[in-house]
PDB file of N, CA and C in Angstrom:
ATOM      1  N   MET A   1     122.647 135.946 177.437  1.00  0.00           N
ATOM      2  CA  MET A   1     121.590 136.752 177.131  1.00  0.00           C
ATOM      3  C   MET A   1     120.389 136.320 176.394  1.00  0.00           C
ATOM      4  N   PHE A   2     119.523 136.135 177.102  1.00  0.00           N
ATOM      5  CA  PHE A   2     118.190 135.637 176.690  1.00  0.00           C
ATOM      6  C   PHE A   2     118.279 134.387 175.840  1.00  0.00           C
ATOM      7  N   GLY A   3     119.324 133.464 176.168  1.00  0.00           N
ATOM      8  CA  GLY A   3     119.669 132.289 175.471  1.00  0.00           C
ATOM      9  C   GLY A   3     119.930 132.265 173.992  1.00  0.00           C
ATOM     10  N   ILE A   4     120.354 133.680 173.769  1.00  0.00           N
ATOM     11  CA  ILE A   4     120.808 133.822 172.486  1.00  0.00           C
ATOM     12  C   ILE A   4     122.128 133.611 172.211  1.00  0.00           C
ATOM     13  N   GLY A   5     122.706 132.836 171.075  1.00  0.00           N
ATOM     14  CA  GLY A   5     124.158 132.542 170.810  1.00  0.00           C
ATOM     15  C   GLY A   5     124.478 133.776 170.055  1.00  0.00           C
ATOM     16  N   GLY A   6     125.844 133.962 169.888  1.00  0.00           N
ATOM     17  CA  GLY A   6     126.582 134.901 169.033  1.00  0.00           C
ATOM     18  C   GLY A   6     126.206 134.662 167.673  1.00  0.00           C
ATOM     19  N   GLY A   7     126.116 133.574 166.892  1.00  0.00           N
ATOM     20  CA  GLY A   7     125.695 133.512 165.574  1.00  0.00           C
ATOM     21  C   GLY A   7     124.337 133.731 165.376  1.00  0.00           C
ATOM     22  N   GLU A   8     123.512 133.521 166.276  1.00  0.00           N
ATOM     23  CA  GLU A   8     122.021 133.926 166.507  1.00  0.00           C
ATOM     24  C   GLU A   8     121.809 135.295 166.545  1.00  0.00           C
ATOM     25  N   LEU A   9     122.717 136.029 167.172  1.00  0.00           N
ATOM     26  CA  LEU A   9     122.564 137.634 167.341  1.00  0.00           C
ATOM     27  C   LEU A   9     122.983 138.012 166.115  1.00  0.00           C
ATOM     28  N   VAL A  10     124.254 137.790 165.171  1.00  0.00           N
ATOM     29  CA  VAL A  10     124.450 138.327 164.224  1.00  0.00           C
ATOM     30  C   VAL A  10     123.466 138.115 163.166  1.00  0.00           C
ATOM     31  N   PHE A  11     122.896 137.048 163.114  1.00  0.00           N
ATOM     32  CA  PHE A  11     121.783 136.697 162.109  1.00  0.00           C
ATOM     33  C   PHE A  11     120.815 137.670 162.359  1.00  0.00           C
ATOM     34  N   ILE A  12     120.217 137.783 163.648  1.00  0.00           N
ATOM     35  CA  ILE A  12     119.179 138.715 163.707  1.00  0.00           C
ATOM     36  C   ILE A  12     119.636 140.317 163.420  1.00  0.00           C
ATOM     37  N   LEU A  13     120.778 140.657 163.828  1.00  0.00           N
ATOM     38  CA  LEU A  13     121.406 142.134 163.319  1.00  0.00           C
ATOM     39  C   LEU A  13     121.460 142.241 161.921  1.00  0.00           C
ATOM     40  N   PHE A  14     121.626 141.214 161.196  1.00  0.00           N
ATOM     41  CA  PHE A  14     121.726 141.019 159.704  1.00  0.00           C
ATOM     42  C   PHE A  14     120.472 141.265 159.142  1.00  0.00           C
ATOM     43  N   ILE A  15     119.197 140.566 159.623  1.00  0.00           N
ATOM     44  CA  ILE A  15     117.964 140.784 159.291  1.00  0.00           C
ATOM     45  C   ILE A  15     117.555 142.100 159.436  1.00  0.00           C
ATOM     46  N   VAL A  16     117.695 142.762 160.718  1.00  0.00           N
ATOM     47  CA  VAL A  16     117.505 143.971 161.168  1.00  0.00           C
ATOM     48  C   VAL A  16     117.918 144.966 160.026  1.00  0.00           C
ATOM     49  N   LEU A  17     119.300 144.998 159.845  1.00  0.00           N
ATOM     50  CA  LEU A  17     120.042 145.878 158.600  1.00  0.00           C
ATOM     51  C   LEU A  17     119.277 145.603 157.389  1.00  0.00           C
ATOM     52  N   MET A  18     119.107 144.547 156.973  1.00  0.00           N
ATOM     53  CA  MET A  18     118.241 144.379 155.744  1.00  0.00           C
ATOM     54  C   MET A  18     116.764 145.081 155.748  1.00  0.00           C
ATOM     55  N   LEU A  19     116.188 144.834 156.721  1.00  0.00           N
ATOM     56  CA  LEU A  19     114.838 145.312 156.694  1.00  0.00           C
ATOM     57  C   LEU A  19     114.676 146.899 156.960  1.00  0.00           C
ATOM     58  N   PHE A  20     115.496 147.419 157.671  1.00  0.00           N
ATOM     59  CA  PHE A  20     115.479 149.005 158.114  1.00  0.00           C
ATOM     60  C   PHE A  20     116.505 149.835 157.348  1.00  0.00           C
ATOM     61  N   GLY A  21     117.483 149.020 157.006  1.00  0.00           N
ATOM     62  CA  GLY A  21     118.566 149.964 156.374  1.00  0.00           C
ATOM     63  C   GLY A  21     119.639 150.311 157.397  1.00  0.00           C
ATOM     64  N   SER A  22     120.719 150.849 156.757  1.00  0.00           N
ATOM     65  CA  SER A  22     121.872 151.063 157.615  1.00  0.00           C
ATOM     66  C   SER A  22     121.579 152.550 158.471  1.00  0.00           C
ATOM     67  N   ASP A  23     120.825 153.436 157.514  1.00  0.00           N
ATOM     68  CA  ASP A  23     120.511 154.727 158.493  1.00  0.00           C
ATOM     69  C   ASP A  23     119.623 154.559 159.375  1.00  0.00           C
ATOM     70  N   LYS A  24     118.523 153.865 159.403  1.00  0.00           N
ATOM     71  CA  LYS A  24     117.426 153.671 160.529  1.00  0.00           C
ATOM     72  C   LYS A  24     118.194 152.965 161.836  1.00  0.00           C
ATOM     73  N   VAL A  25     118.966 152.092 161.671  1.00  0.00           N
ATOM     74  CA  VAL A  25     119.366 150.896 162.701  1.00  0.00           C
ATOM     75  C   VAL A  25     119.945 151.677 163.994  1.00  0.00           C
ATOM     76  N   PRO A  26     120.701 152.947 163.816  1.00  0.00           N
ATOM     77  CA  PRO A  26     120.987 153.677 164.993  1.00  0.00           C
ATOM     78  C   PRO A  26     119.867 154.396 165.571  1.00  0.00           C
ATOM     79  N   GLU A  27     119.012 154.782 164.958  1.00  0.00           N
ATOM     80  CA  GLU A  27     117.789 155.259 165.586  1.00  0.00           C
ATOM     81  C   GLU A  27     117.078 154.234 166.379  1.00  0.00           C
ATOM     82  N   ILE A  28     116.763 153.174 165.837  1.00  0.00           N
ATOM     83  CA  ILE A  28     116.290 151.783 166.724  1.00  0.00           C
ATOM     84  C   ILE A  28     116.774 151.788 167.797  1.00  0.00           C
ATOM     85  N   ALA A  29     118.215 151.482 167.634  1.00  0.00           N
ATOM     86  CA  ALA A  29     119.162 151.281 168.889  1.00  0.00           C
ATOM     87  C   ALA A  29     119.010 152.184 169.919  1.00  0.00           C
ATOM     88  N   ARG A  30     118.961 153.323 169.570  1.00  0.00           N
ATOM     89  CA  ARG A  30     118.994 154.551 170.583  1.00  0.00           C
ATOM     90  C   ARG A  30     117.407 154.483 171.208  1.00  0.00           C
ATOM     91  N   THR A  31     116.547 154.452 170.306  1.00  0.00           N
ATOM     92  CA  THR A  31     115.112 154.124 171.088  1.00  0.00           C
ATOM     93  C   THR A  31     114.939 152.914 171.964  1.00  0.00           C
ATOM     94  N   MET A  32     115.539 151.866 171.461  1.00  0.00           N
ATOM     95  CA  MET A  32     115.402 150.876 172.505  1.00  0.00           C
ATOM     96  C   MET A  32     116.221 150.839 173.614  1.00  0.00           C
ATOM     97  N   GLY A  33     117.388 151.602 173.701  1.00  0.00           N
ATOM     98  CA  GLY A  33     118.312 151.650 174.760  1.00  0.00           C
ATOM     99  C   GLY A  33     117.575 152.825 175.803  1.00  0.00           C
ATOM    100  N   LYS A  34     116.735 153.772 175.154  1.00  0.00           N
ATOM    101  CA  LYS A  34     116.128 154.748 175.985  1.00  0.00           C
ATOM    102  C   LYS A  34     115.107 153.961 176.729  1.00  0.00           C
ATOM    103  N   ALA A  35     114.054 152.877 176.103  1.00  0.00           N
ATOM    104  CA  ALA A  35     112.852 152.317 176.549  1.00  0.00           C
ATOM    105  C   ALA A  35     113.595 151.339 177.715  1.00  0.00           C
ATOM    106  N   MET A  36     114.767 150.821 177.415  1.00  0.00           N
ATOM    107  CA  MET A  36     115.213 149.787 178.501  1.00  0.00           C
ATOM    108  C   MET A  36     115.695 150.532 179.827  1.00  0.00           C
ATOM    109  N   ALA A  37     116.190 151.765 179.559  1.00  0.00           N
ATOM    110  CA  ALA A  37     116.600 152.773 180.867  1.00  0.00           C
ATOM    111  C   ALA A  37     115.501 153.206 181.426  1.00  0.00           C
ATOM    112  N   GLN A  38     114.227 153.559 180.810  1.00  0.00           N
ATOM    113  CA  GLN A  38     112.950 153.587 181.388  1.00  0.00           C
ATOM    114  C   GLN A  38     112.434 152.475 182.115  1.00  0.00           C
ATOM    115  N   LEU A  39     112.490 151.614 181.486  1.00  0.00           N
ATOM    116  CA  LEU A  39     112.132 150.219 182.239  1.00  0.00           C
ATOM    117  C   LEU A  39     112.723 149.875 183.534  1.00  0.00           C
ATOM    118  N   LYS A  40     114.036 150.204 183.511  1.00  0.00           N
ATOM    119  CA  LYS A  40     114.830 149.742 184.659  1.00  0.00           C
ATOM    120  C   LYS A  40     114.749 150.764 185.746  1.00  0.00           C
ATOM    121  N   ASN A  41     114.396 152.099 185.369  1.00  0.00           N
ATOM    122  CA  ASN A  41     114.313 153.227 186.364  1.00  0.00           C
ATOM    123  C   ASN A  41     112.813 152.825 186.912  1.00  0.00           C
ATOM    124  N   ALA A  42     111.780 152.440 186.110  1.00  0.00           N
ATOM    125  CA  ALA A  42     110.787 152.269 186.667  1.00  0.00           C
ATOM    126  C   ALA A  42     110.482 150.970 187.765  1.00  0.00           C
ATOM    127  N   THR A  43     111.285 150.011 187.437  1.00  0.00           N
ATOM    128  CA  THR A  43     111.368 148.907 188.204  1.00  0.00           C
ATOM    129  C   THR A  43     112.179 149.303 189.568  1.00  0.00           C
ATOM    130  N   ASN A  44     113.070 150.129 189.502  1.00  0.00           N
ATOM    131  CA  ASN A  44     113.863 150.342 190.799  1.00  0.00           C
ATOM    132  C   ASN A  44     112.933 151.607 191.522  1.00  0.00           C
ATOM    133  N   ASP A  45     112.036 152.315 191.011  1.00  0.00           N
ATOM    134  CA  ASP A  45     111.114 153.175 191.556  1.00  0.00           C
ATOM    135  C   ASP A  45     110.025 152.202 192.299  1.00  0.00           C
ATOM    136  N   ILE A  46     109.511 151.284 191.971  1.00  0.00           N
ATOM    137  CA  ILE A  46     108.598 150.432 192.500  1.00  0.00           C
ATOM    138  C   ILE A  46     109.255 149.657 193.481  1.00  0.00           C
ATOM    139  N   LYS A  47     110.435 149.158 193.225  1.00  0.00           N
ATOM    140  CA  LYS A  47     111.036 148.584 194.373  1.00  0.00           C
ATOM    141  C   LYS A  47     111.155 149.353 195.704  1.00  0.00           C
ATOM    142  N   SER A  48     111.825 150.825 195.263  1.00  0.00           N
ATOM    143  CA  SER A  48     111.934 151.589 196.396  1.00  0.00           C
ATOM    144  C   SER A  48     110.453 152.091 197.072  1.00  0.00           C
ATOM    145  N   GLU A  49     109.601 152.158 196.360  1.00  0.00           N
ATOM    146  CA  GLU A  49     107.993 152.371 196.889  1.00  0.00           C
ATOM    147  C   GLU A  49     107.645 151.264 197.614  1.00  0.00           C
ATOM    148  N   ILE A  50     107.796 149.842 197.603  1.00  0.00           N
ATOM    149  CA  ILE A  50     107.540 148.640 198.270  1.00  0.00           C
ATOM    150  C   ILE A  50     108.413 148.664 199.512  1.00  0.00           C
ATOM    151  N   GLN A  51     109.703 148.953 199.446  1.00  0.00           N
ATOM    152  CA  GLN A  51     110.570 149.000 200.445  1.00  0.00           C
ATOM    153  C   GLN A  51     110.199 150.186 201.663  1.00  0.00           C
ATOM    154  N   LYS A  52     109.832 151.198 201.114  1.00  0.00           N
ATOM    155  CA  LYS A  52     109.471 152.521 201.938  1.00  0.00           C
ATOM    156  C   LYS A  52     107.932 152.162 202.702  1.00  0.00           C
ATOM    157  N   GLY A  53     107.147 151.410 202.003  1.00  0.00           N
ATOM    158  CA  GLY A  53     105.842 150.910 202.340  1.00  0.00           C
ATOM    159  C   GLY A  53     106.147 149.975 203.582  1.00  0.00           C
ATOM    160  N   ALA A  54     106.945 148.932 203.357  1.00  0.00           N
ATOM    161  CA  ALA A  54     107.189 148.000 204.385  1.00  0.00           C
ATOM    162  C   ALA A  54     107.876 148.456 205.582  1.00  0.00           C
ATOM    163  N   GLU A  55     108.722 149.489 205.545  1.00  0.00           N
ATOM    164  CA  GLU A  55     109.494 150.201 206.657  1.00  0.00           C
ATOM    165  C   GLU A  55     108.488 151.084 207.318  1.00  0.00           C
ATOM    166  N   ALA A  56     107.348 151.703 206.562  1.00  0.00           N
ATOM    167  CA  ALA A  56     106.397 152.571 207.066  1.00  0.00           C
ATOM    168  C   ALA A  56     105.541 151.484 208.263  1.00  0.00           C
ATOM    169  N   ASN A  57     105.338 150.368 207.664  1.00  0.00           N
ATOM    170  CA  ASN A  57     104.489 149.146 208.647  1.00  0.00           C
ATOM    171  C   ASN A  57     105.477 148.560 209.522  1.00  0.00           C
ATOM    172  N   GLY A  58     106.626 149.107 209.759  1.00  0.00           N
ATOM    173  CA  GLY A  58     107.402 148.321 210.540  1.00  0.00           C
ATOM    174  C   GLY A  58     108.037 147.171 210.097  1.00  0.00           C
ATOM    175  N   LEU A  59     108.112 146.850 208.937  1.00  0.00           N
ATOM    176  CA  LEU A  59     108.811 145.539 208.554  1.00  0.00           C
ATOM    177  C   LEU A  59     110.363 146.088 208.027  1.00  0.00           C
ATOM    178  N   ASP A  60     111.246 145.515 208.317  1.00  0.00           N
ATOM    179  CA  ASP A  60     112.539 145.763 207.762  1.00  0.00           C
ATOM    180  C   ASP A  60     112.894 144.497 206.801  1.00  0.00           C
ATOM    181  N   SER A  61     114.014 144.786 206.375  1.00  0.00           N
ATOM    182  CA  SER A  61     114.338 143.684 205.273  1.00  0.00           C
ATOM    183  C   SER A  61     114.709 142.389 206.023  1.00  0.00           C
ATOM    184  N   ARG A  62     115.078 142.421 207.330  1.00  0.00           N
ATOM    185  CA  ARG A  62     115.488 140.999 208.293  1.00  0.00           C
ATOM    186  C   ARG A  62     114.150 140.406 208.373  1.00  0.00           C
ATOM    187  N   SER A  63     113.200 141.264 208.854  1.00  0.00           N
ATOM    188  CA  SER A  63     111.866 140.487 209.041  1.00  0.00           C
ATOM    189  C   SER A  63     111.377 139.866 207.783  1.00  0.00           C
ATOM    190  N   LEU A  64     111.526 140.520 206.753  1.00  0.00           N
ATOM    191  CA  LEU A  64     110.680 140.062 205.350  1.00  0.00           C
ATOM    192  C   LEU A  64     111.606 138.881 204.975  1.00  0.00           C
ATOM    193  N   THR A  65     112.978 138.704 205.228  1.00  0.00           N
ATOM    194  CA  THR A  65     113.608 137.401 204.933  1.00  0.00           C
ATOM    195  C   THR A  65     113.230 136.250 205.830  1.00  0.00           C
ATOM    196  N   ASP A  66     113.057 136.811 207.109  1.00  0.00           N
ATOM    197  CA  ASP A  66     112.310 135.709 208.199  1.00  0.00           C
ATOM    198  C   ASP A  66     111.078 135.103 207.582  1.00  0.00           C
ATOM    199  N   ILE A  67     110.146 136.124 207.281  1.00  0.00           N
ATOM    200  CA  ILE A  67     108.781 135.670 206.788  1.00  0.00           C
ATOM    201  C   ILE A  67     108.900 134.925 205.747  1.00  0.00           C
ATOM    202  N   THR A  68     109.767 135.132 204.695  1.00  0.00           N
ATOM    203  CA  THR A  68     109.987 134.473 203.444  1.00  0.00           C
ATOM    204  C   THR A  68     110.438 133.023 203.819  1.00  0.00           C
ATOM    205  N   GLY A  69     111.424 133.002 204.572  1.00  0.00           N
ATOM    206  CA  GLY A  69     112.051 131.812 205.092  1.00  0.00           C
ATOM    207  C   GLY A  69     111.211 130.953 205.627  1.00  0.00           C
ATOM    208  N   ASN A  70     110.247 131.417 206.506  1.00  0.00           N
ATOM    209  CA  ASN A  70     109.264 130.504 207.188  1.00  0.00           C
ATOM    210  C   ASN A  70     108.219 130.014 205.992  1.00  0.00           C
ATOM    211  N   ILE A  71     107.816 130.721 205.149  1.00  0.00           N
ATOM    212  CA  ILE A  71     106.976 130.401 203.890  1.00  0.00           C
ATOM    213  C   ILE A  71     107.482 129.242 203.255  1.00  0.00           C
ATOM    214  N   ASN A  72     108.688 129.274 202.957  1.00  0.00           N
ATOM    215  CA  ASN A  72     109.385 128.310 202.352  1.00  0.00           C
ATOM    216  C   ASN A  72     109.560 126.905 203.061  1.00  0.00           C
ATOM    217  N   ALA A  73     109.691 127.198 204.258  1.00  0.00           N
ATOM    218  CA  ALA A  73     109.823 126.006 205.222  1.00  0.00           C
ATOM    219  C   ALA A  73     108.281 125.124 205.307  1.00  0.00           C
ATOM    220  N   GLN A  74     107.520 126.039 205.274  1.00  0.00           N
ATOM    221  CA  GLN A  74     106.141 125.444 205.436  1.00  0.00           C
ATOM    222  C   GLN A  74     105.875 124.764 204.086  1.00  0.00           C
ATOM    223  N   ILE A  75     106.198 125.384 202.867  1.00  0.00           N
ATOM    224  CA  ILE A  75     105.947 124.914 201.668  1.00  0.00           C
ATOM    225  C   ILE A  75     106.675 123.477 201.497  1.00  0.00           C
ATOM    226  N   ASN A  76     108.109 123.294 202.041  1.00  0.00           N
ATOM    227  CA  ASN A  76     108.896 122.353 201.765  1.00  0.00           C
ATOM    228  C   ASN A  76     108.335 121.054 202.821  1.00  0.00           C
ATOM    229  N   ASP A  77     107.620 121.647 204.115  1.00  0.00           N
ATOM    230  CA  ASP A  77     106.936 120.403 204.984  1.00  0.00           C
ATOM    231  C   ASP A  77     105.810 119.943 204.264  1.00  0.00           C
ATOM    232  N   ALA A  78     104.997 120.787 203.561  1.00  0.00           N
ATOM    233  CA  ALA A  78     103.819 120.177 202.786  1.00  0.00           C
ATOM    234  C   ALA A  78     104.347 119.233 201.700  1.00  0.00           C
ATOM    235  N   LYS A  79     105.333 119.823 200.988  1.00  0.00           N
ATOM    236  CA  LYS A  79     105.780 118.881 199.888  1.00  0.00           C
ATOM    237  C   LYS A  79     106.245 117.413 200.336  1.00  0.00           C
ATOM    238  N   SER A  80     106.968 117.428 201.463  1.00  0.00           N
ATOM    239  CA  SER A  80     107.678 116.051 201.970  1.00  0.00           C
ATOM    240  C   SER A  80     106.364 115.523 202.362  1.00  0.00           C
ATOM    241  N   ASN A  81     105.389 116.102 203.110  1.00  0.00           N
ATOM    242  CA  ASN A  81     104.265 115.231 203.673  1.00  0.00           C
ATOM    243  C   ASN A  81     103.436 114.630 202.378  1.00  0.00           C
ATOM    244  N   LEU A  82     103.340 115.310 201.166  1.00  0.00           N
ATOM    245  CA  LEU A  82     102.567 114.745 200.178  1.00  0.00           C
ATOM    246  C   LEU A  82     103.228 113.716 199.573  1.00  0.00           C
ATOM    247  N   MET A  83     104.684 114.072 199.379  1.00  0.00           N
ATOM    248  CA  MET A  83     105.569 112.919 198.758  1.00  0.00           C
ATOM    249  C   MET A  83     105.472 111.735 199.425  1.00  0.00           C
ATOM    250  N   GLY A  84     105.555 111.810 200.860  1.00  0.00           N
ATOM    251  CA  GLY A  84     105.528 110.642 201.727  1.00  0.00           C
ATOM    252  C   GLY A  84     104.241 109.867 201.596  1.00  0.00           C
ATOM    253  N   ASP A  85     103.048 110.720 201.484  1.00  0.00           N
ATOM    254  CA  ASP A  85     101.846 109.976 201.486  1.00  0.00           C
ATOM    255  C   ASP A  85     101.748 109.183 200.200  1.00  0.00           C
ATOM    256  N   SER A  86     102.182 109.971 198.889  1.00  0.00           N
ATOM    257  CA  SER A  86     102.076 109.259 197.731  1.00  0.00           C
ATOM    258  C   SER A  86     102.877 107.858 197.579  1.00  0.00           C
ATOM    259  N   ALA A  87     104.156 107.954 198.279  1.00  0.00           N
ATOM    260  CA  ALA A  87     105.088 106.912 198.409  1.00  0.00           C
ATOM    261  C   ALA A  87     104.249 105.771 198.896  1.00  0.00           C
ATOM    262  N   ASN A  88     103.639 106.088 200.188  1.00  0.00           N
ATOM    263  CA  ASN A  88     102.965 105.003 200.798  1.00  0.00           C
ATOM    264  C   ASN A  88     101.865 104.509 199.981  1.00  0.00           C
ATOM    265  N   LEU A  89     101.037 105.329 199.395  1.00  0.00           N
ATOM    266  CA  LEU A  89      99.904 104.935 198.622  1.00  0.00           C
ATOM    267  C   LEU A  89     100.135 104.212 197.480  1.00  0.00           C
ATOM    268  N   LEU A  90     101.322 104.494 196.806  1.00  0.00           N
ATOM    269  CA  LEU A  90     102.125 103.822 195.722  1.00  0.00           C
ATOM    270  C   LEU A  90     102.274 102.395 196.098  1.00  0.00           C
ATOM    271  N   GLY A  91     102.938 102.268 197.275  1.00  0.00           N
ATOM    272  CA  GLY A  91     103.253 100.885 197.820  1.00  0.00           C
ATOM    273  C   GLY A  91     102.352 100.183 198.067  1.00  0.00           C
ATOM    274  N   ASP A  92     101.413 100.689 198.587  1.00  0.00           N
ATOM    275  CA  ASP A  92      99.933  99.742 198.818  1.00  0.00           C
ATOM    276  C   ASP A  92      99.243  99.401 197.703  1.00  0.00           C
ATOM    277  N   THR A  93      99.374 100.231 196.553  1.00  0.00           N
ATOM    278  CA  THR A  93      98.597  99.844 195.276  1.00  0.00           C
ATOM    279  C   THR A  93      99.496  98.799 194.612  1.00  0.00           C
ATOM    280  N   THR A  94     100.616  98.867 194.645  1.00  0.00           N
ATOM    281  CA  THR A  94     101.738  97.798 193.985  1.00  0.00           C
ATOM    282  C   THR A  94     101.479  96.631 194.774  1.00  0.00           C
ATOM    283  N   ALA A  95     101.119  96.424 196.036  1.00  0.00           N
ATOM    284  CA  ALA A  95     101.090  95.207 196.783  1.00  0.00           C
ATOM    285  C   ALA A  95      99.709  94.661 196.460  1.00  0.00           C
ATOM    286  N   GLU A  96      98.557  95.564 196.256  1.00  0.00           N
ATOM    287  CA  GLU A  96      97.303  95.091 196.053  1.00  0.00           C
ATOM    288  C   GLU A  96      97.063  94.544 194.402  1.00  0.00           C
ATOM    289  N   ILE A  97      98.225  95.231 193.494  1.00  0.00           N
ATOM    290  CA  ILE A  97      98.070  94.754 192.258  1.00  0.00           C
ATOM    291  C   ILE A  97      98.744  93.291 192.089  1.00  0.00           C
ATOM    292  N   ASP A  98      99.961  93.151 192.774  1.00  0.00           N
ATOM    293  CA  ASP A  98     100.644  91.739 193.025  1.00  0.00           C
ATOM    294  C   ASP A  98      99.613  90.624 193.472  1.00  0.00           C
ATOM    295  N   LYS A  99      98.803  91.154 194.505  1.00  0.00           N
ATOM    296  CA  LYS A  99      97.847  90.198 195.123  1.00  0.00           C
ATOM    297  C   LYS A  99      96.855  89.647 193.925  1.00  0.00           C
ATOM    298  N   VAL A 100      96.307  90.717 193.246  1.00  0.00           N
ATOM    299  CA  VAL A 100      95.253  90.400 192.138  1.00  0.00           C
ATOM    300  C   VAL A 100      96.109  89.661 191.005  1.00  0.00           C
ATOM    301  N   LYS A 101      97.172  89.873 190.830  1.00  0.00           N
ATOM    302  CA  LYS A 101      97.881  88.942 189.580  1.00  0.00           C
ATOM    303  C   LYS A 101      98.002  87.578 190.277  1.00  0.00           C
ATOM    304  N   GLU A 102      98.503  87.493 191.554  1.00  0.00           N
ATOM    305  CA  GLU A 102      98.453  85.961 191.896  1.00  0.00           C
ATOM    306  C   GLU A 102      97.191  85.253 191.821  1.00  0.00           C
ATOM    307  N   ASP A 103      96.245  86.159 192.372  1.00  0.00           N
ATOM    308  CA  ASP A 103      95.099  85.399 192.132  1.00  0.00           C
ATOM    309  C   ASP A 103      94.463  84.893 190.785  1.00  0.00           C
ATOM    310  N   ILE A 104      94.503  85.759 189.839  1.00  0.00           N
ATOM    311  CA  ILE A 104      94.181  85.344 188.427  1.00  0.00           C
ATOM    312  C   ILE A 104      95.183  84.435 187.880  1.00  0.00           C
ATOM    313  N   ASP A 105      96.494  84.312 188.268  1.00  0.00           N
ATOM    314  CA  ASP A 105      97.036  83.206 187.803  1.00  0.00           C
ATOM    315  C   ASP A 105      96.954  81.934 188.520  1.00  0.00           C
ATOM    316  N   SER A 106      96.506  81.977 189.899  1.00  0.00           N
ATOM    317  CA  SER A 106      95.925  80.593 190.350  1.00  0.00           C
ATOM    318  C   SER A 106      94.881  80.057 189.990  1.00  0.00           C
ATOM    319  N   ILE A 107      93.931  81.172 189.478  1.00  0.00           N
ATOM    320  CA  ILE A 107      92.470  80.594 188.870  1.00  0.00           C
ATOM    321  C   ILE A 107      92.690  80.218 187.452  1.00  0.00           C
ATOM    322  N   SER A 108      93.410  80.799 186.602  1.00  0.00           N
ATOM    323  CA  SER A 108      93.500  80.519 185.154  1.00  0.00           C
ATOM    324  C   SER A 108      94.553  79.522 184.833  1.00  0.00           C
ATOM    325  N   GLY A 109      95.616  79.491 185.703  1.00  0.00           N
ATOM    326  CA  GLY A 109      96.813  78.863 185.384  1.00  0.00           C
ATOM    327  C   GLY A 109      97.621  79.383 184.385  1.00  0.00           C
ATOM    328  N   PRO A 110      98.656  78.816 184.001  1.00  0.00           N
ATOM    329  CA  PRO A 110      99.662  79.528 182.893  1.00  0.00           C
ATOM    330  C   PRO A 110      98.845  79.385 181.609  1.00  0.00           C
ATOM    331  N   VAL A 111      98.924  80.354 180.772  1.00  0.00           N
ATOM    332  CA  VAL A 111      98.088  80.412 179.506  1.00  0.00           C
ATOM    333  C   VAL A 111      99.350  80.367 178.423  1.00  0.00           C
ATOM    334  N   LYS A 112      99.171  79.450 177.648  1.00  0.00           N
ATOM    335  CA  LYS A 112     100.371  79.354 176.649  1.00  0.00           C
ATOM    336  C   LYS A 112      99.748  79.682 175.216  1.00  0.00           C
ATOM    337  N   ARG A 113     100.508  80.150 174.458  1.00  0.00           N
ATOM    338  CA  ARG A 113     100.040  80.716 173.263  1.00  0.00           C
ATOM    339  C   ARG A 113     100.102  79.362 172.237  1.00  0.00           C
ATOM    340  N   GLN A 114      99.140  79.458 171.239  1.00  0.00           N
ATOM    341  CA  GLN A 114      98.815  78.237 170.414  1.00  0.00           C
ATOM    342  C   GLN A 114      99.643  79.171 169.216  1.00  0.00           C
ATOM    343  N   ARG A 115     100.133  78.111 168.291  1.00  0.00           N
ATOM    344  CA  ARG A 115     100.868  78.531 167.251  1.00  0.00           C
ATOM    345  C   ARG A 115     100.028  78.041 166.001  1.00  0.00           C
TER     346      ARG A 115
END
């Protein structure tokens, strides 16, 4: 539940009890329960309105699933193309760096530290 463990939940309840007192906690819980129910009802209403609008425009749930599947496939293709291009670019860059290192070593020779 929201990444909160049992000990953390007990600590939060203890703080709430200390701040608001034992007589106000049931009222607060009741109010929060009503707010959560209203939020759930609102989201369900929005979902049903979207579904009705989609059905009115000739889209059913199967065609929406196909559309989202196609979109996800296109996104995955774009990702793989980008990753392939970046791997080639990285390999080319590494080869160029190695060439420059060899050139520098051949010009300067091994450099030894003096103590």
